[in-house]
Amino acid sequence: MRPDWCGKTFSVVKWNNIFSREVCVRSVIRLGGILLPVFFNIYMDSIISSLRTSGLGRHFKVVYIGCIVYADDILLISASVVQLQQMLDLCFSYADDLDIHFNHKKSNLIKFGHDCNKDNIGT
C-alpha cells in the first residue's frame, strides 16, 4: 500500500488574476519534483538492464548499444524486425509492471541496409 501523498496534493490554475477550482492531483510523482529524475532513472535502469541481459539488440565490440536513452526518449537498435518486436514486448512488459506508459504517437521506425525498401526484413 502506497502512502496517501496524492490525496493531499491539489492544483489551481491562475489566468488573468482569476483562479480555477481546486483539482486533486492523483499522480504518484509530481511533475517537476526534485526526486522525479532519480525515480525515472531507477525505472529506466531496470528496462535497460533487462534488454542488455536478454541477448536482444546490437553491440559495438563489447559495448551494448541496443538501447540508447536520452532524457525520456528511448532508441532501440536491432538487426531485424522480429528482434525489434521482442525488444518492444520486453519494454512494454516492464512498463506495465512499473505503471509507466509509452506514447506510441511519438514513435518511429527507421530501417537501414540493402533490404530497407522491403516490407519485411526477416529474422
PDB file of N, CA and C in Angstrom:
ATOM      1  N   MET A   1       0.841  -1.188   0.000  1.00  0.00           N
ATOM      2  CA  MET A   1       0.000   0.000   0.000  1.00  0.00           C
ATOM      3  C   MET A   1       0.885   1.249   0.000  1.00  0.00           C
ATOM      4  N   ARG A   2       0.625   2.144  -0.942  1.00  0.00           N
ATOM      5  CA  ARG A   2       1.453   3.340  -1.018  1.00  0.00           C
ATOM      6  C   ARG A   2       0.891   4.450  -0.138  1.00  0.00           C
ATOM      7  N   PRO A   3       1.757   5.366   0.306  1.00  0.00           N
ATOM      8  CA  PRO A   3       1.299   6.471   1.158  1.00  0.00           C
ATOM      9  C   PRO A   3       0.295   7.346   0.423  1.00  0.00           C
ATOM     10  N   ASP A   4      -0.481   8.079   1.178  1.00  0.00           N
ATOM     11  CA  ASP A   4      -1.525   8.931   0.596  1.00  0.00           C
ATOM     12  C   ASP A   4      -0.975  10.314   0.247  1.00  0.00           C
ATOM     13  N   TRP A   5       0.141  10.340  -0.520  1.00  0.00           N
ATOM     14  CA  TRP A   5       0.691  11.621  -0.957  1.00  0.00           C
ATOM     15  C   TRP A   5      -0.249  12.306  -1.934  1.00  0.00           C
ATOM     16  N   CYS A   6      -0.875  11.514  -2.797  1.00  0.00           N
ATOM     17  CA  CYS A   6      -1.703  12.075  -3.866  1.00  0.00           C
ATOM     18  C   CYS A   6      -2.981  12.688  -3.339  1.00  0.00           C
ATOM     19  N   GLY A   7      -3.552  12.084  -2.307  1.00  0.00           N
ATOM     20  CA  GLY A   7      -4.806  12.589  -1.780  1.00  0.00           C
ATOM     21  C   GLY A   7      -4.662  13.937  -1.104  1.00  0.00           C
ATOM     22  N   LYS A   8      -3.445  14.375  -0.834  1.00  0.00           N
ATOM     23  CA  LYS A   8      -3.199  15.632  -0.135  1.00  0.00           C
ATOM     24  C   LYS A   8      -2.621  16.703  -1.059  1.00  0.00           C
ATOM     25  N   THR A   9      -2.569  16.442  -2.355  1.00  0.00           N
ATOM     26  CA  THR A   9      -1.984  17.393  -3.295  1.00  0.00           C
ATOM     27  C   THR A   9      -3.082  17.951  -4.193  1.00  0.00           C
ATOM     28  N   PHE A  10      -3.161  19.286  -4.225  1.00  0.00           N
ATOM     29  CA  PHE A  10      -4.173  19.942  -5.039  1.00  0.00           C
ATOM     30  C   PHE A  10      -3.505  20.957  -5.954  1.00  0.00           C
ATOM     31  N   SER A  11      -4.161  21.259  -7.055  1.00  0.00           N
ATOM     32  CA  SER A  11      -3.617  22.214  -8.008  1.00  0.00           C
ATOM     33  C   SER A  11      -4.691  23.237  -8.370  1.00  0.00           C
ATOM     34  N   VAL A  12      -4.233  24.466  -8.616  1.00  0.00           N
ATOM     35  CA  VAL A  12      -5.117  25.556  -9.024  1.00  0.00           C
ATOM     36  C   VAL A  12      -4.425  26.283 -10.170  1.00  0.00           C
ATOM     37  N   VAL A  13      -5.198  26.683 -11.180  1.00  0.00           N
ATOM     38  CA  VAL A  13      -4.656  27.431 -12.311  1.00  0.00           C
ATOM     39  C   VAL A  13      -5.070  28.889 -12.171  1.00  0.00           C
ATOM     40  N   LYS A  14      -4.092  29.772 -12.366  1.00  0.00           N
ATOM     41  CA  LYS A  14      -4.366  31.212 -12.331  1.00  0.00           C
ATOM     42  C   LYS A  14      -4.226  31.763 -13.739  1.00  0.00           C
ATOM     43  N   TRP A  15      -5.272  32.454 -14.217  1.00  0.00           N
ATOM     44  CA  TRP A  15      -5.246  33.055 -15.550  1.00  0.00           C
ATOM     45  C   TRP A  15      -5.849  34.460 -15.442  1.00  0.00           C
ATOM     46  N   ASN A  16      -5.056  35.469 -15.756  1.00  0.00           N
ATOM     47  CA  ASN A  16      -5.501  36.865 -15.662  1.00  0.00           C
ATOM     48  C   ASN A  16      -6.140  37.173 -14.306  1.00  0.00           C
ATOM     49  N   ASN A  17      -5.472  36.783 -13.240  1.00  0.00           N
ATOM     50  CA  ASN A  17      -5.915  37.009 -11.865  1.00  0.00           C
ATOM     51  C   ASN A  17      -7.231  36.321 -11.520  1.00  0.00           C
ATOM     52  N   ILE A  18      -7.631  35.331 -12.304  1.00  0.00           N
ATOM     53  CA  ILE A  18      -8.813  34.515 -11.998  1.00  0.00           C
ATOM     54  C   ILE A  18      -8.316  33.102 -11.707  1.00  0.00           C
ATOM     55  N   PHE A  19      -8.797  32.528 -10.612  1.00  0.00           N
ATOM     56  CA  PHE A  19      -8.361  31.205 -10.188  1.00  0.00           C
ATOM     57  C   PHE A  19      -9.403  30.147 -10.537  1.00  0.00           C
ATOM     58  N   SER A  20      -8.919  28.991 -10.985  1.00  0.00           N
ATOM     59  CA  SER A  20      -9.806  27.863 -11.258  1.00  0.00           C
ATOM     60  C   SER A  20     -10.195  27.203  -9.948  1.00  0.00           C
ATOM     61  N   ARG A  21     -11.045  26.213 -10.027  1.00  0.00           N
ATOM     62  CA  ARG A  21     -11.393  25.433  -8.834  1.00  0.00           C
ATOM     63  C   ARG A  21     -10.226  24.519  -8.495  1.00  0.00           C
ATOM     64  N   GLU A  22     -10.158  24.063  -7.251  1.00  0.00           N
ATOM     65  CA  GLU A  22      -9.107  23.129  -6.828  1.00  0.00           C
ATOM     66  C   GLU A  22      -9.343  21.771  -7.459  1.00  0.00           C
ATOM     67  N   VAL A  23      -8.258  21.158  -7.926  1.00  0.00           N
ATOM     68  CA  VAL A  23      -8.329  19.818  -8.504  1.00  0.00           C
ATOM     69  C   VAL A  23      -7.325  18.941  -7.768  1.00  0.00           C
ATOM     70  N   CYS A  24      -7.759  17.757  -7.351  1.00  0.00           N
ATOM     71  CA  CYS A  24      -6.864  16.820  -6.675  1.00  0.00           C
ATOM     72  C   CYS A  24      -5.897  16.229  -7.697  1.00  0.00           C
ATOM     73  N   VAL A  25      -4.597  16.272  -7.405  1.00  0.00           N
ATOM     74  CA  VAL A  25      -3.580  15.701  -8.279  1.00  0.00           C
ATOM     75  C   VAL A  25      -3.385  14.250  -7.878  1.00  0.00           C
ATOM     76  N   ARG A  26      -3.575  13.324  -8.818  1.00  0.00           N
ATOM     77  CA  ARG A  26      -3.546  11.905  -8.498  1.00  0.00           C
ATOM     78  C   ARG A  26      -2.301  11.182  -8.994  1.00  0.00           C
ATOM     79  N   SER A  27      -1.298  11.894  -9.448  1.00  0.00           N
ATOM     80  CA  SER A  27      -0.076  11.235  -9.896  1.00  0.00           C
ATOM     81  C   SER A  27       0.800  10.923  -8.698  1.00  0.00           C
ATOM     82  N   VAL A  28       1.580   9.847  -8.808  1.00  0.00           N
ATOM     83  CA  VAL A  28       2.438   9.437  -7.703  1.00  0.00           C
ATOM     84  C   VAL A  28       3.640  10.361  -7.571  1.00  0.00           C
ATOM     85  N   ILE A  29       4.245  10.755  -8.688  1.00  0.00           N
ATOM     86  CA  ILE A  29       5.423  11.620  -8.670  1.00  0.00           C
ATOM     87  C   ILE A  29       5.019  12.948  -9.286  1.00  0.00           C
ATOM     88  N   ARG A  30       5.156  14.006  -8.520  1.00  0.00           N
ATOM     89  CA  ARG A  30       4.746  15.315  -9.013  1.00  0.00           C
ATOM     90  C   ARG A  30       5.697  15.789 -10.101  1.00  0.00           C
ATOM     91  N   LEU A  31       5.128  16.291 -11.195  1.00  0.00           N
ATOM     92  CA  LEU A  31       5.927  16.816 -12.297  1.00  0.00           C
ATOM     93  C   LEU A  31       6.780  17.967 -11.785  1.00  0.00           C
ATOM     94  N   GLY A  32       8.063  17.913 -12.074  1.00  0.00           N
ATOM     95  CA  GLY A  32       8.974  18.948 -11.613  1.00  0.00           C
ATOM     96  C   GLY A  32       9.493  18.707 -10.214  1.00  0.00           C
ATOM     97  N   GLY A  33       9.067  17.620  -9.595  1.00  0.00           N
ATOM     98  CA  GLY A  33       9.540  17.305  -8.256  1.00  0.00           C
ATOM     99  C   GLY A  33      11.026  16.996  -8.263  1.00  0.00           C
ATOM    100  N   ILE A  34      11.683  17.262  -7.160  1.00  0.00           N
ATOM    101  CA  ILE A  34      13.123  17.097  -7.082  1.00  0.00           C
ATOM    102  C   ILE A  34      13.555  15.638  -7.245  1.00  0.00           C
ATOM    103  N   LEU A  35      12.710  14.697  -6.873  1.00  0.00           N
ATOM    104  CA  LEU A  35      13.063  13.275  -6.984  1.00  0.00           C
ATOM    105  C   LEU A  35      12.662  12.658  -8.327  1.00  0.00           C
ATOM    106  N   LEU A  36      11.957  13.389  -9.158  1.00  0.00           N
ATOM    107  CA  LEU A  36      11.497  12.844 -10.438  1.00  0.00           C
ATOM    108  C   LEU A  36      12.625  12.262 -11.281  1.00  0.00           C
ATOM    109  N   PRO A  37      13.754  12.965 -11.498  1.00  0.00           N
ATOM    110  CA  PRO A  37      14.837  12.383 -12.299  1.00  0.00           C
ATOM    111  C   PRO A  37      15.423  11.111 -11.681  1.00  0.00           C
ATOM    112  N   VAL A  38      15.504  11.081 -10.358  1.00  0.00           N
ATOM    113  CA  VAL A  38      16.048   9.901  -9.683  1.00  0.00           C
ATOM    114  C   VAL A  38      15.138   8.699  -9.897  1.00  0.00           C
ATOM    115  N   PHE A  39      13.826   8.881  -9.671  1.00  0.00           N
ATOM    116  CA  PHE A  39      12.874   7.792  -9.859  1.00  0.00           C
ATOM    117  C   PHE A  39      12.829   7.350 -11.316  1.00  0.00           C
ATOM    118  N   PHE A  40      12.867   8.312 -12.231  1.00  0.00           N
ATOM    119  CA  PHE A  40      12.840   7.975 -13.651  1.00  0.00           C
ATOM    120  C   PHE A  40      14.061   7.135 -14.013  1.00  0.00           C
ATOM    121  N   ASN A  41      15.232   7.491 -13.507  1.00  0.00           N
ATOM    122  CA  ASN A  41      16.454   6.724 -13.786  1.00  0.00           C
ATOM    123  C   ASN A  41      16.371   5.315 -13.225  1.00  0.00           C
ATOM    124  N   ILE A  42      15.764   5.153 -12.062  1.00  0.00           N
ATOM    125  CA  ILE A  42      15.587   3.817 -11.488  1.00  0.00           C
ATOM    126  C   ILE A  42      14.682   2.988 -12.379  1.00  0.00           C
ATOM    127  N   TYR A  43      13.588   3.562 -12.829  1.00  0.00           N
ATOM    128  CA  TYR A  43      12.671   2.868 -13.737  1.00  0.00           C
ATOM    129  C   TYR A  43      13.394   2.464 -15.018  1.00  0.00           C
ATOM    130  N   MET A  44      14.095   3.419 -15.626  1.00  0.00           N
ATOM    131  CA  MET A  44      14.738   3.167 -16.905  1.00  0.00           C
ATOM    132  C   MET A  44      15.884   2.174 -16.766  1.00  0.00           C
ATOM    133  N   ASP A  45      16.598   2.204 -15.643  1.00  0.00           N
ATOM    134  CA  ASP A  45      17.702   1.278 -15.446  1.00  0.00           C
ATOM    135  C   ASP A  45      17.226  -0.168 -15.483  1.00  0.00           C
ATOM    136  N   SER A  46      16.056  -0.442 -14.927  1.00  0.00           N
ATOM    137  CA  SER A  46      15.549  -1.823 -14.947  1.00  0.00           C
ATOM    138  C   SER A  46      15.216  -2.260 -16.366  1.00  0.00           C
ATOM    139  N   ILE A  47      14.701  -1.358 -17.179  1.00  0.00           N
ATOM    140  CA  ILE A  47      14.400  -1.692 -18.584  1.00  0.00           C
ATOM    141  C   ILE A  47      15.695  -1.903 -19.365  1.00  0.00           C
ATOM    142  N   ILE A  48      16.651  -1.004 -19.207  1.00  0.00           N
ATOM    143  CA  ILE A  48      17.929  -1.113 -19.918  1.00  0.00           C
ATOM    144  C   ILE A  48      18.658  -2.395 -19.526  1.00  0.00           C
ATOM    145  N   SER A  49      18.688  -2.695 -18.243  1.00  0.00           N
ATOM    146  CA  SER A  49      19.366  -3.909 -17.764  1.00  0.00           C
ATOM    147  C   SER A  49      18.724  -5.167 -18.324  1.00  0.00           C
ATOM    148  N   SER A  50      17.406  -5.187 -18.372  1.00  0.00           N
ATOM    149  CA  SER A  50      16.723  -6.377 -18.908  1.00  0.00           C
ATOM    150  C   SER A  50      16.980  -6.530 -20.401  1.00  0.00           C
ATOM    151  N   LEU A  51      17.037  -5.434 -21.133  1.00  0.00           N
ATOM    152  CA  LEU A  51      17.355  -5.515 -22.568  1.00  0.00           C
ATOM    153  C   LEU A  51      18.783  -6.006 -22.765  1.00  0.00           C
ATOM    154  N   ARG A  52      19.710  -5.476 -21.974  1.00  0.00           N
ATOM    155  CA  ARG A  52      21.114  -5.858 -22.101  1.00  0.00           C
ATOM    156  C   ARG A  52      21.307  -7.354 -21.840  1.00  0.00           C
ATOM    157  N   THR A  53      20.658  -7.872 -20.807  1.00  0.00           N
ATOM    158  CA  THR A  53      20.834  -9.286 -20.445  1.00  0.00           C
ATOM    159  C   THR A  53      19.979 -10.232 -21.273  1.00  0.00           C
ATOM    160  N   SER A  54      19.040  -9.693 -22.056  1.00  0.00           N
ATOM    161  CA  SER A  54      18.152 -10.546 -22.855  1.00  0.00           C
ATOM    162  C   SER A  54      18.834 -11.144 -24.082  1.00  0.00           C
ATOM    163  N   GLY A  55      19.949 -10.553 -24.494  1.00  0.00           N
ATOM    164  CA  GLY A  55      20.598 -11.002 -25.720  1.00  0.00           C
ATOM    165  C   GLY A  55      20.019 -10.329 -26.960  1.00  0.00           C
ATOM    166  N   LEU A  56      19.057  -9.438 -26.762  1.00  0.00           N
ATOM    167  CA  LEU A  56      18.438  -8.717 -27.879  1.00  0.00           C
ATOM    168  C   LEU A  56      19.174  -7.404 -28.112  1.00  0.00           C
ATOM    169  N   GLY A  57      19.119  -6.910 -29.316  1.00  0.00           N
ATOM    170  CA  GLY A  57      19.758  -5.639 -29.626  1.00  0.00           C
ATOM    171  C   GLY A  57      21.160  -5.824 -30.175  1.00  0.00           C
ATOM    172  N   ARG A  58      21.844  -4.746 -30.353  1.00  0.00           N
ATOM    173  CA  ARG A  58      23.150  -4.753 -31.007  1.00  0.00           C
ATOM    174  C   ARG A  58      24.265  -4.388 -30.027  1.00  0.00           C
ATOM    175  N   HIS A  59      25.476  -4.802 -30.414  1.00  0.00           N
ATOM    176  CA  HIS A  59      26.696  -4.464 -29.680  1.00  0.00           C
ATOM    177  C   HIS A  59      27.689  -3.825 -30.643  1.00  0.00           C
ATOM    178  N   PHE A  60      28.469  -2.894 -30.145  1.00  0.00           N
ATOM    179  CA  PHE A  60      29.614  -2.372 -30.877  1.00  0.00           C
ATOM    180  C   PHE A  60      30.828  -2.838 -30.106  1.00  0.00           C
ATOM    181  N   LYS A  61      31.524  -3.825 -30.663  1.00  0.00           N
ATOM    182  CA  LYS A  61      32.593  -4.540 -29.967  1.00  0.00           C
ATOM    183  C   LYS A  61      31.999  -5.128 -28.693  1.00  0.00           C
ATOM    184  N   VAL A  62      32.396  -4.657 -27.519  1.00  0.00           N
ATOM    185  CA  VAL A  62      31.852  -5.217 -26.274  1.00  0.00           C
ATOM    186  C   VAL A  62      30.815  -4.305 -25.616  1.00  0.00           C
ATOM    187  N   VAL A  63      30.529  -3.158 -26.224  1.00  0.00           N
ATOM    188  CA  VAL A  63      29.601  -2.190 -25.648  1.00  0.00           C
ATOM    189  C   VAL A  63      28.190  -2.440 -26.191  1.00  0.00           C
ATOM    190  N   TYR A  64      27.232  -2.579 -25.279  1.00  0.00           N
ATOM    191  CA  TYR A  64      25.832  -2.765 -25.680  1.00  0.00           C
ATOM    192  C   TYR A  64      25.251  -1.445 -26.161  1.00  0.00           C
ATOM    193  N   ILE A  65      24.778  -1.410 -27.400  1.00  0.00           N
ATOM    194  CA  ILE A  65      24.158  -0.210 -27.963  1.00  0.00           C
ATOM    195  C   ILE A  65      22.735  -0.506 -28.427  1.00  0.00           C
ATOM    196  N   GLY A  66      22.157  -1.585 -27.957  1.00  0.00           N
ATOM    197  CA  GLY A  66      20.798  -1.963 -28.356  1.00  0.00           C
ATOM    198  C   GLY A  66      19.735  -1.053 -27.791  1.00  0.00           C
ATOM    199  N   CYS A  67      20.082  -0.313 -26.747  1.00  0.00           N
ATOM    200  CA  CYS A  67      19.131   0.604 -26.118  1.00  0.00           C
ATOM    201  C   CYS A  67      19.886   1.854 -25.699  1.00  0.00           C
ATOM    202  N   ILE A  68      19.567   2.963 -26.334  1.00  0.00           N
ATOM    203  CA  ILE A  68      20.191   4.234 -26.002  1.00  0.00           C
ATOM    204  C   ILE A  68      19.095   5.143 -25.456  1.00  0.00           C
ATOM    205  N   VAL A  69      19.346   5.708 -24.280  1.00  0.00           N
ATOM    206  CA  VAL A  69      18.333   6.526 -23.612  1.00  0.00           C
ATOM    207  C   VAL A  69      18.884   7.929 -23.436  1.00  0.00           C
ATOM    208  N   TYR A  70      18.077   8.913 -23.785  1.00  0.00           N
ATOM    209  CA  TYR A  70      18.418  10.310 -23.544  1.00  0.00           C
ATOM    210  C   TYR A  70      17.161  11.010 -23.044  1.00  0.00           C
ATOM    211  N   ALA A  71      17.248  11.580 -21.856  1.00  0.00           N
ATOM    212  CA  ALA A  71      16.087  12.207 -21.200  1.00  0.00           C
ATOM    213  C   ALA A  71      14.966  11.170 -21.143  1.00  0.00           C
ATOM    214  N   ASP A  72      13.827  11.447 -21.758  1.00  0.00           N
ATOM    215  CA  ASP A  72      12.737  10.471 -21.717  1.00  0.00           C
ATOM    216  C   ASP A  72      12.533   9.784 -23.069  1.00  0.00           C
ATOM    217  N   ASP A  73      13.556   9.788 -23.906  1.00  0.00           N
ATOM    218  CA  ASP A  73      13.500   9.120 -25.206  1.00  0.00           C
ATOM    219  C   ASP A  73      14.300   7.824 -25.168  1.00  0.00           C
ATOM    220  N   ILE A  74      13.799   6.810 -25.846  1.00  0.00           N
ATOM    221  CA  ILE A  74      14.478   5.520 -25.935  1.00  0.00           C
ATOM    222  C   ILE A  74      14.674   5.182 -27.404  1.00  0.00           C
ATOM    223  N   LEU A  75      15.899   4.815 -27.761  1.00  0.00           N
ATOM    224  CA  LEU A  75      16.216   4.359 -29.106  1.00  0.00           C
ATOM    225  C   LEU A  75      16.573   2.881 -29.014  1.00  0.00           C
ATOM    226  N   LEU A  76      15.789   2.032 -29.682  1.00  0.00           N
ATOM    227  CA  LEU A  76      16.063   0.601 -29.718  1.00  0.00           C
ATOM    228  C   LEU A  76      16.722   0.279 -31.046  1.00  0.00           C
ATOM    229  N   ILE A  77      17.842  -0.445 -31.010  1.00  0.00           N
ATOM    230  CA  ILE A  77      18.592  -0.793 -32.218  1.00  0.00           C
ATOM    231  C   ILE A  77      18.630  -2.302 -32.343  1.00  0.00           C
ATOM    232  N   SER A  78      18.168  -2.786 -33.497  1.00  0.00           N
ATOM    233  CA  SER A  78      18.069  -4.218 -33.725  1.00  0.00           C
ATOM    234  C   SER A  78      18.445  -4.541 -35.166  1.00  0.00           C
ATOM    235  N   ALA A  79      18.877  -5.782 -35.392  1.00  0.00           N
ATOM    236  CA  ALA A  79      19.234  -6.214 -36.739  1.00  0.00           C
ATOM    237  C   ALA A  79      18.025  -6.731 -37.507  1.00  0.00           C
ATOM    238  N   SER A  80      16.901  -6.949 -36.840  1.00  0.00           N
ATOM    239  CA  SER A  80      15.725  -7.471 -37.530  1.00  0.00           C
ATOM    240  C   SER A  80      14.445  -6.931 -36.912  1.00  0.00           C
ATOM    241  N   VAL A  81      13.400  -6.963 -37.681  1.00  0.00           N
ATOM    242  CA  VAL A  81      12.094  -6.524 -37.203  1.00  0.00           C
ATOM    243  C   VAL A  81      11.587  -7.478 -36.119  1.00  0.00           C
ATOM    244  N   VAL A  82      11.847  -8.754 -36.280  1.00  0.00           N
ATOM    245  CA  VAL A  82      11.411  -9.747 -35.294  1.00  0.00           C
ATOM    246  C   VAL A  82      12.070  -9.468 -33.942  1.00  0.00           C
ATOM    247  N   GLN A  83      13.373  -9.250 -33.950  1.00  0.00           N
ATOM    248  CA  GLN A  83      14.092  -8.960 -32.708  1.00  0.00           C
ATOM    249  C   GLN A  83      13.642  -7.625 -32.121  1.00  0.00           C
ATOM    250  N   LEU A  84      13.382  -6.650 -32.973  1.00  0.00           N
ATOM    251  CA  LEU A  84      12.884  -5.360 -32.508  1.00  0.00           C
ATOM    252  C   LEU A  84      11.545  -5.531 -31.803  1.00  0.00           C
ATOM    253  N   GLN A  85      10.666  -6.364 -32.352  1.00  0.00           N
ATOM    254  CA  GLN A  85       9.378  -6.613 -31.708  1.00  0.00           C
ATOM    255  C   GLN A  85       9.571  -7.265 -30.337  1.00  0.00           C
ATOM    256  N   GLN A  86      10.531  -8.165 -30.239  1.00  0.00           N
ATOM    257  CA  GLN A  86      10.821  -8.793 -28.946  1.00  0.00           C
ATOM    258  C   GLN A  86      11.323  -7.758 -27.937  1.00  0.00           C
ATOM    259  N   MET A  87      12.123  -6.818 -28.407  1.00  0.00           N
ATOM    260  CA  MET A  87      12.612  -5.749 -27.532  1.00  0.00           C
ATOM    261  C   MET A  87      11.455  -4.859 -27.074  1.00  0.00           C
ATOM    262  N   LEU A  88      10.559  -4.535 -27.999  1.00  0.00           N
ATOM    263  CA  LEU A  88       9.384  -3.738 -27.648  1.00  0.00           C
ATOM    264  C   LEU A  88       8.504  -4.470 -26.644  1.00  0.00           C
ATOM    265  N   ASP A  89       8.300  -5.773 -26.872  1.00  0.00           N
ATOM    266  CA  ASP A  89       7.498  -6.575 -25.937  1.00  0.00           C
ATOM    267  C   ASP A  89       8.103  -6.550 -24.544  1.00  0.00           C
ATOM    268  N   LEU A  90       9.426  -6.664 -24.460  1.00  0.00           N
ATOM    269  CA  LEU A  90      10.108  -6.631 -23.167  1.00  0.00           C
ATOM    270  C   LEU A  90       9.928  -5.264 -22.506  1.00  0.00           C
ATOM    271  N   CYS A  91      10.076  -4.195 -23.281  1.00  0.00           N
ATOM    272  CA  CYS A  91       9.888  -2.846 -22.737  1.00  0.00           C
ATOM    273  C   CYS A  91       8.463  -2.653 -22.228  1.00  0.00           C
ATOM    274  N   PHE A  92       7.486  -3.102 -22.997  1.00  0.00           N
ATOM    275  CA  PHE A  92       6.092  -2.938 -22.583  1.00  0.00           C
ATOM    276  C   PHE A  92       5.763  -3.787 -21.364  1.00  0.00           C
ATOM    277  N   SER A  93       6.389  -4.946 -21.247  1.00  0.00           N
ATOM    278  CA  SER A  93       6.183  -5.789 -20.072  1.00  0.00           C
ATOM    279  C   SER A  93       6.684  -5.080 -18.819  1.00  0.00           C
ATOM    280  N   TYR A  94       7.882  -4.499 -18.899  1.00  0.00           N
ATOM    281  CA  TYR A  94       8.423  -3.749 -17.764  1.00  0.00           C
ATOM    282  C   TYR A  94       7.585  -2.507 -17.498  1.00  0.00           C
ATOM    283  N   ALA A  95       7.176  -1.816 -18.536  1.00  0.00           N
ATOM    284  CA  ALA A  95       6.368  -0.612 -18.360  1.00  0.00           C
ATOM    285  C   ALA A  95       5.051  -0.943 -17.663  1.00  0.00           C
ATOM    286  N   ASP A  96       4.458  -2.072 -18.028  1.00  0.00           N
ATOM    287  CA  ASP A  96       3.205  -2.484 -17.391  1.00  0.00           C
ATOM    288  C   ASP A  96       3.437  -2.765 -15.906  1.00  0.00           C
ATOM    289  N   ASP A  97       4.528  -3.465 -15.590  1.00  0.00           N
ATOM    290  CA  ASP A  97       4.853  -3.765 -14.190  1.00  0.00           C
ATOM    291  C   ASP A  97       5.145  -2.498 -13.389  1.00  0.00           C
ATOM    292  N   LEU A  98       5.780  -1.501 -14.031  1.00  0.00           N
ATOM    293  CA  LEU A  98       6.174  -0.272 -13.347  1.00  0.00           C
ATOM    294  C   LEU A  98       5.125   0.837 -13.449  1.00  0.00           C
ATOM    295  N   ASP A  99       4.026   0.543 -14.153  1.00  0.00           N
ATOM    296  CA  ASP A  99       2.933   1.501 -14.341  1.00  0.00           C
ATOM    297  C   ASP A  99       3.404   2.783 -15.032  1.00  0.00           C
ATOM    298  N   ILE A 100       4.216   2.612 -16.093  1.00  0.00           N
ATOM    299  CA  ILE A 100       4.590   3.742 -16.931  1.00  0.00           C
ATOM    300  C   ILE A 100       4.056   3.477 -18.332  1.00  0.00           C
ATOM    301  N   HIS A 101       3.932   4.532 -19.123  1.00  0.00           N
ATOM    302  CA  HIS A 101       3.318   4.411 -20.441  1.00  0.00           C
ATOM    303  C   HIS A 101       4.233   4.993 -21.506  1.00  0.00           C
ATOM    304  N   PHE A 102       4.250   4.334 -22.659  1.00  0.00           N
ATOM    305  CA  PHE A 102       4.971   4.843 -23.816  1.00  0.00           C
ATOM    306  C   PHE A 102       3.967   5.508 -24.743  1.00  0.00           C
ATOM    307  N   ASN A 103       4.355   6.608 -25.351  1.00  0.00           N
ATOM    308  CA  ASN A 103       3.474   7.317 -26.271  1.00  0.00           C
ATOM    309  C   ASN A 103       3.723   6.806 -27.690  1.00  0.00           C
ATOM    310  N   HIS A 104       2.834   5.935 -28.165  1.00  0.00           N
ATOM    311  CA  HIS A 104       3.011   5.352 -29.496  1.00  0.00           C
ATOM    312  C   HIS A 104       2.881   6.395 -30.599  1.00  0.00           C
ATOM    313  N   LYS A 105       2.244   7.527 -30.324  1.00  0.00           N
ATOM    314  CA  LYS A 105       2.086   8.568 -31.342  1.00  0.00           C
ATOM    315  C   LYS A 105       3.402   9.283 -31.628  1.00  0.00           C
ATOM    316  N   LYS A 106       4.368   9.155 -30.709  1.00  0.00           N
ATOM    317  CA  LYS A 106       5.673   9.786 -30.900  1.00  0.00           C
ATOM    318  C   LYS A 106       6.733   8.782 -31.344  1.00  0.00           C
ATOM    319  N   SER A 107       6.319   7.567 -31.676  1.00  0.00           N
ATOM    320  CA  SER A 107       7.261   6.513 -32.044  1.00  0.00           C
ATOM    321  C   SER A 107       7.487   6.478 -33.551  1.00  0.00           C
ATOM    322  N   ASN A 108       8.696   6.086 -33.928  1.00  0.00           N
ATOM    323  CA  ASN A 108       9.069   5.994 -35.334  1.00  0.00           C
ATOM    324  C   ASN A 108       9.907   4.748 -35.565  1.00  0.00           C
ATOM    325  N   LEU A 109       9.917   4.281 -36.802  1.00  0.00           N
ATOM    326  CA  LEU A 109      10.754   3.164 -37.202  1.00  0.00           C
ATOM    327  C   LEU A 109      11.598   3.620 -38.380  1.00  0.00           C
ATOM    328  N   ILE A 110      12.895   3.405 -38.272  1.00  0.00           N
ATOM    329  CA  ILE A 110      13.809   3.729 -39.366  1.00  0.00           C
ATOM    330  C   ILE A 110      14.553   2.456 -39.727  1.00  0.00           C
ATOM    331  N   LYS A 111      14.542   2.108 -41.011  1.00  0.00           N
ATOM    332  CA  LYS A 111      15.244   0.910 -41.479  1.00  0.00           C
ATOM    333  C   LYS A 111      16.434   1.330 -42.322  1.00  0.00           C
ATOM    334  N   PHE A 112      17.567   0.626 -42.130  1.00  0.00           N
ATOM    335  CA  PHE A 112      18.784   0.870 -42.902  1.00  0.00           C
ATOM    336  C   PHE A 112      19.220  -0.431 -43.551  1.00  0.00           C
ATOM    337  N   GLY A 113      19.961  -0.339 -44.632  1.00  0.00           N
ATOM    338  CA  GLY A 113      20.550  -1.520 -45.249  1.00  0.00           C
ATOM    339  C   GLY A 113      19.997  -1.785 -46.636  1.00  0.00           C
ATOM    340  N   HIS A 114      20.520  -2.839 -47.261  1.00  0.00           N
ATOM    341  CA  HIS A 114      20.142  -3.135 -48.642  1.00  0.00           C
ATOM    342  C   HIS A 114      18.711  -3.645 -48.765  1.00  0.00           C
ATOM    343  N   ASP A 115      18.105  -4.136 -47.693  1.00  0.00           N
ATOM    344  CA  ASP A 115      16.724  -4.617 -47.725  1.00  0.00           C
ATOM    345  C   ASP A 115      15.735  -3.607 -47.141  1.00  0.00           C
ATOM    346  N   CYS A 116      16.167  -2.364 -46.940  1.00  0.00           N
ATOM    347  CA  CYS A 116      15.325  -1.412 -46.216  1.00  0.00           C
ATOM    348  C   CYS A 116      14.040  -1.044 -46.955  1.00  0.00           C
ATOM    349  N   ASN A 117      13.980  -1.256 -48.270  1.00  0.00           N
ATOM    350  CA  ASN A 117      12.767  -0.931 -49.015  1.00  0.00           C
ATOM    351  C   ASN A 117      11.744  -2.060 -49.017  1.00  0.00           C
ATOM    352  N   LYS A 118      12.129  -3.239 -48.510  1.00  0.00           N
ATOM    353  CA  LYS A 118      11.196  -4.359 -48.426  1.00  0.00           C
ATOM    354  C   LYS A 118      10.279  -4.154 -47.237  1.00  0.00           C
ATOM    355  N   ASP A 119       9.061  -4.713 -47.335  1.00  0.00           N
ATOM    356  CA  ASP A 119       8.100  -4.614 -46.234  1.00  0.00           C
ATOM    357  C   ASP A 119       8.520  -5.445 -45.035  1.00  0.00           C
ATOM    358  N   ASN A 120       9.178  -6.572 -45.266  1.00  0.00           N
ATOM    359  CA  ASN A 120       9.563  -7.447 -44.173  1.00  0.00           C
ATOM    360  C   ASN A 120      11.054  -7.725 -44.294  1.00  0.00           C
ATOM    361  N   ILE A 121      11.802  -7.403 -43.241  1.00  0.00           N
ATOM    362  CA  ILE A 121      13.249  -7.580 -43.271  1.00  0.00           C
ATOM    363  C   ILE A 121      13.661  -8.974 -42.822  1.00  0.00           C
ATOM    364  N   GLY A 122      12.766  -9.742 -42.335  1.00  0.00           N
ATOM    365  CA  GLY A 122      13.088 -11.116 -41.910  1.00  0.00           C
ATOM    366  C   GLY A 122      13.674 -11.171 -40.530  1.00  0.00           C
ATOM    367  N   THR A 123      14.192 -12.330 -40.180  1.00  0.00           N
ATOM    368  CA  THR A 123      14.674 -12.540 -38.820  1.00  0.00           C
ATOM    369  C   THR A 123      16.160 -12.300 -38.801  1.00  0.00           C
TER     370      THR A 123
END
